[in-house]
């Protein structure tokens, strides 16, 4: 069942708990473990270079830059290609890039951030497919206001839209006692890094 949460300032989130059934989610998780070239990369945080507390992989025809690093173009694998086609059909958004985060256990995490790189445009729609352990996904307004938290489960699809990336940040905090989770985040890149400027005010 799919539910929609309307946030403030025109932001919204849609969540489908069983977008993939359990058997299909299991197959996708096993395939991604073997198909993808997992990397443990550095990012820039508060002016320092640190190792990301997770592994990453990706696919897309254009490069993607975030947190001081650039991911060069990389071909879709059989599984990532099939999944992006399904997510495009579901959302009607022409996604052309997927970033895959592998949280090895509950000590792996991702801090609060927004997907607001210029290459994504002003108000991008961003979709995330979760496989593996259930993890807490948090949304917090950039300014004062009420935050939200969702437990994203195996085979679930979360879609952030409207002004979500302008007015909210999101992340996956550390969580004791949980196992491996793999998340695939689908984005539509409008151009190569540095080739696109976002019109209007940046928040």
N, C-alpha and C. Protein backbone atom coordinates (compact mmCIF):
# COMPACT_ATOMS: atom_id res chain seq x y z
N UNK A 1 0.85 -1.19 0.00
CA UNK A 1 0.00 0.00 0.00
C UNK A 1 0.88 1.25 0.00
N UNK A 2 0.52 2.22 -0.82
CA UNK A 2 1.30 3.44 -0.93
C UNK A 2 0.63 4.56 -0.15
N UNK A 3 1.43 5.27 0.62
CA UNK A 3 0.89 6.39 1.40
C UNK A 3 1.66 7.65 1.06
N UNK A 4 0.97 8.79 1.16
CA UNK A 4 1.58 10.08 0.86
C UNK A 4 1.56 10.94 2.11
N UNK A 5 2.69 11.59 2.36
CA UNK A 5 2.82 12.50 3.49
C UNK A 5 3.08 13.89 2.92
N UNK A 6 2.17 14.81 3.15
CA UNK A 6 2.36 16.19 2.72
C UNK A 6 3.08 16.95 3.83
N UNK A 7 4.23 17.51 3.48
CA UNK A 7 5.04 18.27 4.41
C UNK A 7 4.77 19.76 4.20
N UNK A 8 5.51 20.61 4.86
CA UNK A 8 5.31 22.05 4.72
C UNK A 8 6.00 22.58 3.46
N UNK A 9 5.60 23.79 3.05
CA UNK A 9 6.23 24.51 1.94
C UNK A 9 6.17 23.77 0.61
N UNK A 10 5.17 22.91 0.43
CA UNK A 10 5.01 22.23 -0.85
C UNK A 10 5.85 20.97 -1.01
N UNK A 11 6.45 20.51 0.05
CA UNK A 11 7.23 19.27 0.00
C UNK A 11 6.32 18.07 0.27
N UNK A 12 6.66 16.92 -0.27
CA UNK A 12 5.89 15.70 -0.01
C UNK A 12 6.77 14.47 -0.13
N UNK A 13 6.28 13.39 0.48
CA UNK A 13 6.94 12.08 0.44
C UNK A 13 5.87 11.03 0.17
N UNK A 14 6.19 10.09 -0.71
CA UNK A 14 5.34 8.92 -0.91
C UNK A 14 6.11 7.67 -0.51
N UNK A 15 5.43 6.75 0.18
CA UNK A 15 6.10 5.54 0.68
C UNK A 15 5.25 4.32 0.36
N UNK A 16 5.85 3.36 -0.34
CA UNK A 16 5.20 2.08 -0.65
C UNK A 16 5.98 0.99 0.07
N UNK A 17 5.37 0.40 1.10
CA UNK A 17 6.10 -0.53 1.98
C UNK A 17 6.50 -1.82 1.28
N UNK A 18 5.69 -2.33 0.39
CA UNK A 18 5.99 -3.61 -0.28
C UNK A 18 5.98 -3.40 -1.79
N UNK A 19 6.77 -2.47 -2.24
CA UNK A 19 6.83 -2.17 -3.68
C UNK A 19 7.36 -3.37 -4.46
N UNK A 20 8.35 -4.05 -3.90
CA UNK A 20 8.78 -5.36 -4.39
C UNK A 20 8.33 -6.40 -3.37
N UNK A 21 7.83 -7.55 -3.84
CA UNK A 21 7.49 -8.58 -2.87
C UNK A 21 8.78 -9.18 -2.31
N UNK A 22 8.65 -9.93 -1.24
CA UNK A 22 9.84 -10.38 -0.50
C UNK A 22 10.77 -11.24 -1.34
N UNK A 23 10.21 -12.14 -2.12
CA UNK A 23 11.05 -13.01 -2.94
C UNK A 23 11.84 -12.22 -3.98
N UNK A 24 11.17 -11.26 -4.63
CA UNK A 24 11.86 -10.45 -5.63
C UNK A 24 12.90 -9.55 -4.99
N UNK A 25 12.57 -8.98 -3.83
CA UNK A 25 13.55 -8.16 -3.12
C UNK A 25 14.77 -8.98 -2.72
N UNK A 26 14.55 -10.21 -2.29
CA UNK A 26 15.67 -11.09 -1.96
C UNK A 26 16.56 -11.33 -3.17
N UNK A 27 15.94 -11.60 -4.33
CA UNK A 27 16.72 -11.85 -5.55
C UNK A 27 17.52 -10.62 -5.95
N UNK A 28 16.91 -9.45 -5.87
CA UNK A 28 17.62 -8.23 -6.25
C UNK A 28 18.80 -7.97 -5.32
N UNK A 29 18.60 -8.17 -4.04
CA UNK A 29 19.69 -7.94 -3.08
C UNK A 29 20.86 -8.87 -3.36
N UNK A 30 20.57 -10.14 -3.58
CA UNK A 30 21.65 -11.09 -3.86
C UNK A 30 22.37 -10.73 -5.16
N UNK A 31 21.62 -10.33 -6.19
CA UNK A 31 22.24 -9.98 -7.47
C UNK A 31 23.12 -8.74 -7.35
N UNK A 32 22.65 -7.73 -6.63
CA UNK A 32 23.43 -6.50 -6.50
C UNK A 32 24.73 -6.73 -5.74
N UNK A 33 24.70 -7.58 -4.74
CA UNK A 33 25.94 -7.88 -4.01
C UNK A 33 27.03 -8.37 -4.95
N UNK A 34 26.63 -9.18 -5.95
CA UNK A 34 27.62 -9.76 -6.85
C UNK A 34 27.92 -8.92 -8.07
N UNK A 35 26.95 -8.14 -8.55
CA UNK A 35 27.12 -7.40 -9.81
C UNK A 35 27.92 -6.12 -9.66
N UNK A 36 27.80 -5.46 -8.53
CA UNK A 36 28.32 -4.10 -8.41
C UNK A 36 29.76 -4.07 -7.92
N UNK A 37 30.49 -3.04 -8.36
CA UNK A 37 31.87 -2.81 -7.91
C UNK A 37 31.82 -1.89 -6.70
N UNK A 38 31.83 -2.46 -5.51
CA UNK A 38 31.68 -1.68 -4.29
C UNK A 38 32.97 -0.95 -3.94
N UNK A 39 32.84 0.31 -3.51
CA UNK A 39 34.00 1.11 -3.15
C UNK A 39 33.79 1.75 -1.78
N UNK A 40 34.90 1.95 -1.08
CA UNK A 40 34.89 2.65 0.21
C UNK A 40 35.62 3.97 -0.03
N UNK A 41 34.86 5.06 -0.23
CA UNK A 41 35.43 6.32 -0.68
C UNK A 41 35.47 7.37 0.41
N UNK A 42 36.30 8.39 0.17
CA UNK A 42 36.35 9.54 1.06
C UNK A 42 35.37 10.61 0.58
N UNK A 43 34.85 11.37 1.54
CA UNK A 43 34.07 12.57 1.24
C UNK A 43 34.62 13.70 2.10
N UNK A 44 34.21 14.92 1.77
CA UNK A 44 34.63 16.09 2.54
C UNK A 44 33.51 16.44 3.52
N UNK A 45 33.84 16.45 4.82
CA UNK A 45 32.90 16.83 5.86
C UNK A 45 33.55 17.87 6.75
N UNK A 46 32.91 19.04 6.84
CA UNK A 46 33.42 20.12 7.67
C UNK A 46 34.88 20.44 7.33
N UNK A 47 35.19 20.39 6.03
CA UNK A 47 36.52 20.73 5.56
C UNK A 47 37.56 19.63 5.69
N UNK A 48 37.16 18.47 6.16
CA UNK A 48 38.10 17.35 6.31
C UNK A 48 37.68 16.19 5.42
N UNK A 49 38.67 15.45 4.94
CA UNK A 49 38.39 14.26 4.15
C UNK A 49 38.29 13.06 5.09
N UNK A 50 37.16 12.38 5.02
CA UNK A 50 36.92 11.22 5.88
C UNK A 50 36.33 10.10 5.03
N UNK A 51 36.52 8.85 5.48
CA UNK A 51 35.91 7.72 4.79
C UNK A 51 34.41 7.70 5.06
N UNK A 52 33.64 7.48 4.01
CA UNK A 52 32.20 7.33 4.20
C UNK A 52 31.92 6.11 5.08
N UNK A 53 30.98 6.22 6.00
CA UNK A 53 30.64 5.07 6.85
C UNK A 53 29.66 4.12 6.15
N UNK A 54 30.03 3.69 4.95
CA UNK A 54 29.24 2.77 4.14
C UNK A 54 30.02 2.52 2.85
N UNK A 55 29.62 1.52 2.09
CA UNK A 55 30.19 1.27 0.77
C UNK A 55 29.25 1.85 -0.28
N UNK A 56 29.81 2.20 -1.44
CA UNK A 56 28.97 2.74 -2.50
C UNK A 56 29.27 2.07 -3.84
N UNK A 57 28.28 2.13 -4.71
CA UNK A 57 28.42 1.77 -6.12
C UNK A 57 27.45 2.67 -6.87
N UNK A 58 27.51 2.67 -8.19
CA UNK A 58 26.64 3.57 -8.94
C UNK A 58 26.58 3.17 -10.41
N UNK A 59 25.63 3.77 -11.13
CA UNK A 59 25.52 3.58 -12.57
C UNK A 59 24.82 4.79 -13.17
N UNK A 60 25.24 5.16 -14.38
CA UNK A 60 24.61 6.28 -15.06
C UNK A 60 25.47 6.75 -16.22
N UNK A 61 24.82 7.38 -17.20
CA UNK A 61 25.53 7.86 -18.39
C UNK A 61 26.28 9.16 -18.14
N UNK A 62 25.93 9.89 -17.07
CA UNK A 62 26.59 11.15 -16.73
C UNK A 62 27.30 11.01 -15.39
N UNK A 63 28.35 11.80 -15.20
CA UNK A 63 29.01 11.83 -13.91
C UNK A 63 28.14 12.54 -12.88
N UNK A 64 28.38 12.23 -11.62
CA UNK A 64 27.62 12.84 -10.52
C UNK A 64 28.61 13.27 -9.44
N UNK A 65 28.46 14.52 -8.98
CA UNK A 65 29.40 15.05 -7.99
C UNK A 65 28.65 15.41 -6.72
N UNK A 66 29.18 14.98 -5.59
CA UNK A 66 28.62 15.36 -4.28
C UNK A 66 29.69 15.22 -3.23
N UNK A 67 29.61 16.05 -2.21
CA UNK A 67 30.52 15.99 -1.05
C UNK A 67 31.99 15.91 -1.44
N UNK A 68 32.38 16.68 -2.47
CA UNK A 68 33.78 16.76 -2.84
C UNK A 68 34.31 15.62 -3.67
N UNK A 69 33.45 14.75 -4.17
CA UNK A 69 33.91 13.66 -5.02
C UNK A 69 33.05 13.60 -6.28
N UNK A 70 33.62 13.04 -7.34
CA UNK A 70 32.90 12.88 -8.59
C UNK A 70 32.86 11.40 -8.95
N UNK A 71 31.66 10.93 -9.26
CA UNK A 71 31.46 9.57 -9.73
C UNK A 71 31.39 9.60 -11.25
N UNK A 72 32.37 9.00 -11.90
CA UNK A 72 32.42 9.00 -13.36
C UNK A 72 31.28 8.15 -13.93
N UNK A 73 30.93 8.38 -15.22
CA UNK A 73 29.90 7.54 -15.83
C UNK A 73 30.25 6.05 -15.72
N UNK A 74 29.22 5.26 -15.49
CA UNK A 74 29.42 3.81 -15.33
C UNK A 74 28.17 3.11 -15.86
N UNK A 75 28.37 2.03 -16.59
CA UNK A 75 27.25 1.34 -17.23
C UNK A 75 26.32 0.70 -16.20
N UNK A 76 25.04 0.67 -16.53
CA UNK A 76 24.08 -0.05 -15.70
C UNK A 76 24.34 -1.55 -15.79
N UNK A 77 24.20 -2.23 -14.67
CA UNK A 77 24.25 -3.69 -14.68
C UNK A 77 22.86 -4.22 -15.04
N UNK A 78 22.76 -5.53 -15.17
CA UNK A 78 21.47 -6.13 -15.49
C UNK A 78 20.41 -5.74 -14.46
N UNK A 79 20.76 -5.83 -13.18
CA UNK A 79 19.78 -5.57 -12.13
C UNK A 79 19.49 -4.09 -11.97
N UNK A 80 20.53 -3.24 -11.95
CA UNK A 80 20.27 -1.81 -11.81
C UNK A 80 19.50 -1.26 -13.01
N UNK A 81 19.80 -1.77 -14.21
CA UNK A 81 19.07 -1.33 -15.39
C UNK A 81 17.60 -1.70 -15.33
N UNK A 82 17.31 -2.93 -14.89
CA UNK A 82 15.92 -3.36 -14.77
C UNK A 82 15.18 -2.56 -13.71
N UNK A 83 15.85 -2.28 -12.60
CA UNK A 83 15.20 -1.55 -11.52
C UNK A 83 14.93 -0.09 -11.89
N UNK A 84 15.87 0.56 -12.58
CA UNK A 84 15.62 1.95 -12.97
C UNK A 84 14.44 2.02 -13.94
N UNK A 85 14.31 1.03 -14.82
CA UNK A 85 13.17 1.02 -15.74
C UNK A 85 11.86 0.91 -14.96
N UNK A 86 11.84 0.08 -13.93
CA UNK A 86 10.61 -0.10 -13.15
C UNK A 86 10.28 1.15 -12.35
N UNK A 87 11.30 1.79 -11.78
CA UNK A 87 11.05 3.00 -11.00
C UNK A 87 10.59 4.13 -11.90
N UNK A 88 11.16 4.24 -13.09
CA UNK A 88 10.72 5.25 -14.06
C UNK A 88 9.25 5.02 -14.42
N UNK A 89 8.88 3.76 -14.66
CA UNK A 89 7.50 3.46 -15.02
C UNK A 89 6.54 3.80 -13.88
N UNK A 90 6.99 3.60 -12.66
CA UNK A 90 6.12 3.86 -11.50
C UNK A 90 5.97 5.35 -11.22
N UNK A 91 7.07 6.10 -11.32
CA UNK A 91 7.06 7.51 -10.93
C UNK A 91 6.81 8.46 -12.09
N UNK A 92 7.03 7.98 -13.33
CA UNK A 92 6.95 8.82 -14.53
C UNK A 92 8.02 9.92 -14.52
N UNK A 93 9.13 9.65 -13.85
CA UNK A 93 10.28 10.55 -13.82
C UNK A 93 11.41 9.86 -14.58
N UNK A 94 12.04 10.50 -15.58
CA UNK A 94 13.06 9.84 -16.40
C UNK A 94 14.43 9.78 -15.70
N UNK A 95 14.50 9.02 -14.64
CA UNK A 95 15.77 8.87 -13.91
C UNK A 95 16.84 8.30 -14.83
N UNK A 96 18.07 8.81 -14.67
CA UNK A 96 19.18 8.32 -15.50
C UNK A 96 20.43 8.04 -14.68
N UNK A 97 20.28 7.99 -13.35
CA UNK A 97 21.43 7.69 -12.50
C UNK A 97 20.95 6.99 -11.23
N UNK A 98 21.73 6.05 -10.76
CA UNK A 98 21.43 5.40 -9.48
C UNK A 98 22.71 5.34 -8.64
N UNK A 99 22.60 5.79 -7.40
CA UNK A 99 23.67 5.68 -6.42
C UNK A 99 23.24 4.61 -5.42
N UNK A 100 24.11 3.64 -5.18
CA UNK A 100 23.78 2.51 -4.32
C UNK A 100 24.64 2.59 -3.07
N UNK A 101 23.99 2.68 -1.92
CA UNK A 101 24.68 2.68 -0.64
C UNK A 101 24.52 1.33 0.03
N UNK A 102 25.62 0.79 0.53
CA UNK A 102 25.60 -0.51 1.23
C UNK A 102 25.97 -0.28 2.69
N UNK A 103 24.96 -0.36 3.54
CA UNK A 103 25.15 -0.22 4.98
C UNK A 103 25.42 -1.61 5.54
N UNK A 104 26.66 -1.87 5.91
CA UNK A 104 27.06 -3.23 6.27
C UNK A 104 26.41 -3.71 7.56
N UNK A 105 26.15 -2.79 8.45
CA UNK A 105 25.42 -3.08 9.69
C UNK A 105 24.94 -1.75 10.26
N UNK A 106 24.47 -1.77 11.51
CA UNK A 106 23.90 -0.57 12.08
C UNK A 106 24.88 0.54 12.39
N UNK A 107 26.19 0.26 12.33
CA UNK A 107 27.16 1.32 12.56
C UNK A 107 27.40 2.16 11.31
N UNK A 108 27.00 1.65 10.14
CA UNK A 108 27.07 2.45 8.92
C UNK A 108 25.86 3.38 8.85
N UNK A 109 26.06 4.55 8.26
CA UNK A 109 25.02 5.58 8.29
C UNK A 109 25.25 6.60 7.18
N UNK A 110 24.32 7.55 7.09
CA UNK A 110 24.52 8.73 6.24
C UNK A 110 23.92 9.92 6.98
N UNK A 111 24.70 10.99 7.07
CA UNK A 111 24.27 12.17 7.81
C UNK A 111 23.19 12.94 7.10
N UNK A 112 22.62 13.90 7.81
CA UNK A 112 21.57 14.73 7.24
C UNK A 112 22.11 15.56 6.07
N UNK A 113 21.39 15.55 4.98
CA UNK A 113 21.81 16.25 3.77
C UNK A 113 20.60 16.45 2.87
N UNK A 114 20.75 17.23 1.83
CA UNK A 114 19.73 17.38 0.79
C UNK A 114 20.35 17.06 -0.55
N UNK A 115 19.56 16.49 -1.43
CA UNK A 115 20.00 16.23 -2.80
C UNK A 115 19.72 17.50 -3.62
N UNK A 116 20.61 18.47 -3.47
CA UNK A 116 20.36 19.78 -4.08
C UNK A 116 21.52 20.24 -4.96
N UNK A 117 22.26 19.29 -5.52
CA UNK A 117 23.32 19.65 -6.45
C UNK A 117 22.72 20.31 -7.69
N UNK A 118 23.43 21.27 -8.30
CA UNK A 118 22.88 21.97 -9.47
C UNK A 118 22.46 21.04 -10.60
N UNK A 119 23.17 19.92 -10.77
CA UNK A 119 22.86 19.00 -11.86
C UNK A 119 21.48 18.35 -11.73
N UNK A 120 20.86 18.47 -10.56
CA UNK A 120 19.55 17.87 -10.33
C UNK A 120 18.40 18.84 -10.61
N UNK A 121 18.71 20.11 -10.83
CA UNK A 121 17.66 21.10 -11.01
C UNK A 121 17.14 21.62 -9.68
N UNK A 122 16.17 22.53 -9.77
CA UNK A 122 15.72 23.24 -8.57
C UNK A 122 14.94 22.36 -7.59
N UNK A 123 13.97 21.62 -8.07
CA UNK A 123 13.12 20.80 -7.20
C UNK A 123 13.05 19.37 -7.74
N UNK A 124 14.12 18.59 -7.58
CA UNK A 124 14.14 17.25 -8.15
C UNK A 124 13.25 16.28 -7.38
N UNK A 125 12.74 15.29 -8.11
CA UNK A 125 12.13 14.12 -7.48
C UNK A 125 13.22 13.07 -7.31
N UNK A 126 13.31 12.51 -6.12
CA UNK A 126 14.34 11.52 -5.80
C UNK A 126 13.64 10.29 -5.23
N UNK A 127 13.97 9.10 -5.73
CA UNK A 127 13.34 7.86 -5.28
C UNK A 127 14.40 6.93 -4.69
N UNK A 128 14.07 6.25 -3.60
CA UNK A 128 14.99 5.32 -2.96
C UNK A 128 14.32 3.97 -2.73
N UNK A 129 14.94 2.92 -3.26
CA UNK A 129 14.50 1.54 -3.04
C UNK A 129 15.37 0.93 -1.96
N UNK A 130 14.74 0.35 -0.94
CA UNK A 130 15.46 -0.24 0.18
C UNK A 130 15.41 -1.76 0.10
N UNK A 131 16.55 -2.39 0.34
CA UNK A 131 16.66 -3.85 0.36
C UNK A 131 17.44 -4.26 1.61
N UNK A 132 16.98 -5.31 2.27
CA UNK A 132 17.70 -5.78 3.46
C UNK A 132 17.05 -5.30 4.74
N UNK A 133 17.88 -5.03 5.73
CA UNK A 133 17.39 -4.68 7.06
C UNK A 133 16.57 -3.39 7.05
N UNK A 134 15.54 -3.35 7.89
CA UNK A 134 14.76 -2.13 8.07
C UNK A 134 15.60 -1.09 8.80
N UNK A 135 15.62 0.14 8.27
CA UNK A 135 16.37 1.22 8.89
C UNK A 135 15.47 2.44 9.06
N UNK A 136 15.85 3.29 10.02
CA UNK A 136 15.13 4.53 10.27
C UNK A 136 15.60 5.60 9.29
N UNK A 137 14.65 6.20 8.57
CA UNK A 137 14.91 7.28 7.62
C UNK A 137 14.30 8.54 8.22
N UNK A 138 15.13 9.57 8.41
CA UNK A 138 14.65 10.77 9.08
C UNK A 138 14.62 11.94 8.10
N UNK A 139 13.61 12.79 8.26
CA UNK A 139 13.45 14.02 7.51
C UNK A 139 13.32 15.15 8.51
N UNK A 140 14.11 16.21 8.31
CA UNK A 140 14.04 17.36 9.20
C UNK A 140 13.99 18.64 8.39
N UNK A 141 13.16 19.59 8.79
CA UNK A 141 13.12 20.87 8.06
C UNK A 141 14.43 21.63 8.25
N UNK A 142 14.84 22.36 7.24
CA UNK A 142 16.07 23.15 7.35
C UNK A 142 15.91 24.24 8.40
N UNK A 143 14.69 24.74 8.56
CA UNK A 143 14.43 25.75 9.58
C UNK A 143 13.49 25.13 10.61
N UNK A 144 12.86 25.94 11.43
CA UNK A 144 12.01 25.42 12.49
C UNK A 144 10.83 24.65 11.92
N UNK A 145 10.41 23.62 12.64
CA UNK A 145 9.27 22.84 12.22
C UNK A 145 9.42 21.40 12.65
N UNK A 146 8.37 20.64 12.39
CA UNK A 146 8.32 19.25 12.82
C UNK A 146 9.00 18.34 11.81
N UNK A 147 9.83 17.42 12.30
CA UNK A 147 10.46 16.43 11.45
C UNK A 147 9.61 15.18 11.34
N UNK A 148 10.05 14.26 10.53
CA UNK A 148 9.37 12.98 10.32
C UNK A 148 10.40 11.87 10.35
N UNK A 149 9.95 10.67 10.69
CA UNK A 149 10.80 9.49 10.64
C UNK A 149 9.99 8.33 10.09
N UNK A 150 10.59 7.55 9.22
CA UNK A 150 9.96 6.38 8.64
C UNK A 150 10.89 5.19 8.79
N UNK A 151 10.34 4.03 9.09
CA UNK A 151 11.11 2.79 9.08
C UNK A 151 10.98 2.18 7.69
N UNK A 152 12.04 2.31 6.89
CA UNK A 152 12.00 1.84 5.50
C UNK A 152 12.41 0.36 5.47
N UNK A 153 11.53 -0.45 4.91
CA UNK A 153 11.68 -1.90 5.01
C UNK A 153 12.15 -2.52 3.70
N UNK A 154 12.41 -3.82 3.74
CA UNK A 154 12.88 -4.62 2.62
C UNK A 154 11.87 -4.57 1.47
N UNK A 155 12.31 -4.06 0.32
CA UNK A 155 11.44 -3.98 -0.85
C UNK A 155 10.60 -2.72 -0.93
N UNK A 156 10.84 -1.77 -0.04
CA UNK A 156 10.02 -0.54 -0.03
C UNK A 156 10.60 0.52 -0.97
N UNK A 157 9.72 1.40 -1.43
CA UNK A 157 10.12 2.52 -2.30
C UNK A 157 9.66 3.82 -1.65
N UNK A 158 10.60 4.74 -1.47
CA UNK A 158 10.34 6.06 -0.90
C UNK A 158 10.61 7.10 -1.99
N UNK A 159 9.66 7.98 -2.22
CA UNK A 159 9.81 9.03 -3.23
C UNK A 159 9.67 10.38 -2.54
N UNK A 160 10.66 11.25 -2.71
CA UNK A 160 10.62 12.61 -2.19
C UNK A 160 10.40 13.57 -3.36
N UNK A 161 9.43 14.49 -3.21
CA UNK A 161 9.12 15.39 -4.31
C UNK A 161 8.69 16.76 -3.84
N UNK A 162 8.17 17.53 -4.78
CA UNK A 162 7.84 18.91 -4.48
C UNK A 162 9.09 19.68 -4.12
N UNK A 163 9.02 20.46 -3.06
CA UNK A 163 10.17 21.27 -2.62
C UNK A 163 10.98 20.58 -1.52
N UNK A 164 10.90 19.26 -1.46
CA UNK A 164 11.53 18.52 -0.36
C UNK A 164 13.02 18.83 -0.23
N UNK A 165 13.74 18.86 -1.36
CA UNK A 165 15.19 19.07 -1.28
C UNK A 165 15.56 20.51 -0.96
N UNK A 166 14.64 21.44 -1.18
CA UNK A 166 14.89 22.84 -0.81
C UNK A 166 14.66 23.10 0.67
N UNK A 167 13.66 22.45 1.24
CA UNK A 167 13.23 22.81 2.59
C UNK A 167 13.50 21.75 3.64
N UNK A 168 13.96 20.57 3.23
CA UNK A 168 14.21 19.50 4.19
C UNK A 168 15.58 18.86 3.94
N UNK A 169 16.12 18.28 5.00
CA UNK A 169 17.29 17.41 4.89
C UNK A 169 16.86 16.02 5.35
N UNK A 170 17.60 15.01 4.93
CA UNK A 170 17.25 13.64 5.28
C UNK A 170 18.51 12.84 5.53
N UNK A 171 18.37 11.72 6.22
CA UNK A 171 19.51 10.88 6.50
C UNK A 171 19.09 9.56 7.12
N UNK A 172 20.08 8.67 7.30
CA UNK A 172 19.88 7.37 7.93
C UNK A 172 20.87 7.28 9.09
N UNK A 173 20.42 7.47 10.34
CA UNK A 173 21.34 7.47 11.47
C UNK A 173 21.80 6.06 11.84
N UNK A 174 22.82 6.01 12.67
CA UNK A 174 23.25 4.72 13.20
C UNK A 174 22.12 4.07 13.98
N UNK A 175 22.12 2.76 13.98
CA UNK A 175 21.01 2.03 14.61
C UNK A 175 21.54 0.68 15.10
N UNK A 176 21.57 0.49 16.38
CA UNK A 176 22.16 -0.71 16.96
C UNK A 176 21.35 -1.95 16.63
N UNK A 177 22.07 -3.06 16.43
CA UNK A 177 21.43 -4.35 16.33
C UNK A 177 20.77 -4.69 15.01
N UNK A 178 21.08 -3.97 13.93
CA UNK A 178 20.47 -4.28 12.64
C UNK A 178 21.53 -4.80 11.68
N UNK A 179 21.08 -5.52 10.66
CA UNK A 179 21.99 -6.10 9.69
C UNK A 179 22.17 -5.24 8.46
N UNK A 180 22.57 -5.88 7.37
CA UNK A 180 22.92 -5.19 6.14
C UNK A 180 21.69 -4.60 5.44
N UNK A 181 21.85 -3.39 4.95
CA UNK A 181 20.84 -2.76 4.09
C UNK A 181 21.52 -2.19 2.86
N UNK A 182 20.90 -2.37 1.70
CA UNK A 182 21.35 -1.77 0.45
C UNK A 182 20.24 -0.86 -0.04
N UNK A 183 20.59 0.40 -0.32
CA UNK A 183 19.60 1.34 -0.85
C UNK A 183 20.04 1.83 -2.22
N UNK A 184 19.09 1.93 -3.12
CA UNK A 184 19.34 2.45 -4.46
C UNK A 184 18.59 3.77 -4.58
N UNK A 185 19.33 4.87 -4.79
CA UNK A 185 18.72 6.18 -4.91
C UNK A 185 18.78 6.63 -6.37
N UNK A 186 17.60 6.87 -6.93
CA UNK A 186 17.46 7.19 -8.35
C UNK A 186 17.31 8.70 -8.52
N UNK A 187 18.10 9.26 -9.43
CA UNK A 187 18.09 10.70 -9.69
C UNK A 187 18.06 10.95 -11.19
N UNK A 188 17.57 12.12 -11.56
CA UNK A 188 17.63 12.57 -12.95
C UNK A 188 18.66 13.69 -13.03
N UNK A 189 19.77 13.41 -13.70
CA UNK A 189 20.82 14.41 -13.88
C UNK A 189 20.54 15.19 -15.17
N UNK A 190 20.61 16.50 -15.06
CA UNK A 190 20.33 17.36 -16.22
C UNK A 190 21.56 17.62 -17.07
N UNK A 191 22.74 17.32 -16.54
CA UNK A 191 23.99 17.54 -17.26
C UNK A 191 25.15 17.03 -16.44
N UNK A 192 26.34 17.14 -16.99
CA UNK A 192 27.54 16.71 -16.29
C UNK A 192 27.87 17.69 -15.16
N UNK A 193 28.68 17.25 -14.18
CA UNK A 193 29.05 18.14 -13.07
C UNK A 193 29.67 19.44 -13.57
N UNK A 194 29.18 20.56 -13.06
CA UNK A 194 29.69 21.86 -13.43
C UNK A 194 29.05 22.47 -14.65
N UNK A 195 28.24 21.69 -15.37
CA UNK A 195 27.65 22.18 -16.62
C UNK A 195 26.27 22.79 -16.45
N UNK A 196 25.69 22.66 -15.24
CA UNK A 196 24.33 23.12 -15.01
C UNK A 196 24.32 24.08 -13.83
N UNK A 197 23.63 25.21 -13.98
CA UNK A 197 23.44 26.15 -12.89
C UNK A 197 21.97 26.12 -12.48
N UNK A 198 21.73 26.11 -11.17
CA UNK A 198 20.36 26.14 -10.67
C UNK A 198 19.87 27.56 -10.65
N UNK A 199 18.74 27.87 -11.32
CA UNK A 199 18.23 29.24 -11.31
C UNK A 199 17.65 29.61 -9.96
N UNK A 200 17.69 30.88 -9.65
CA UNK A 200 17.05 31.36 -8.43
C UNK A 200 17.90 31.15 -7.20
N UNK A 201 17.30 31.39 -6.09
CA UNK A 201 18.00 31.34 -4.81
C UNK A 201 18.29 29.92 -4.40
N UNK A 202 19.50 29.65 -3.90
CA UNK A 202 19.86 28.35 -3.33
C UNK A 202 19.76 28.43 -1.82
N UNK A 203 19.14 27.42 -1.20
CA UNK A 203 18.96 27.42 0.25
C UNK A 203 19.91 26.40 0.87
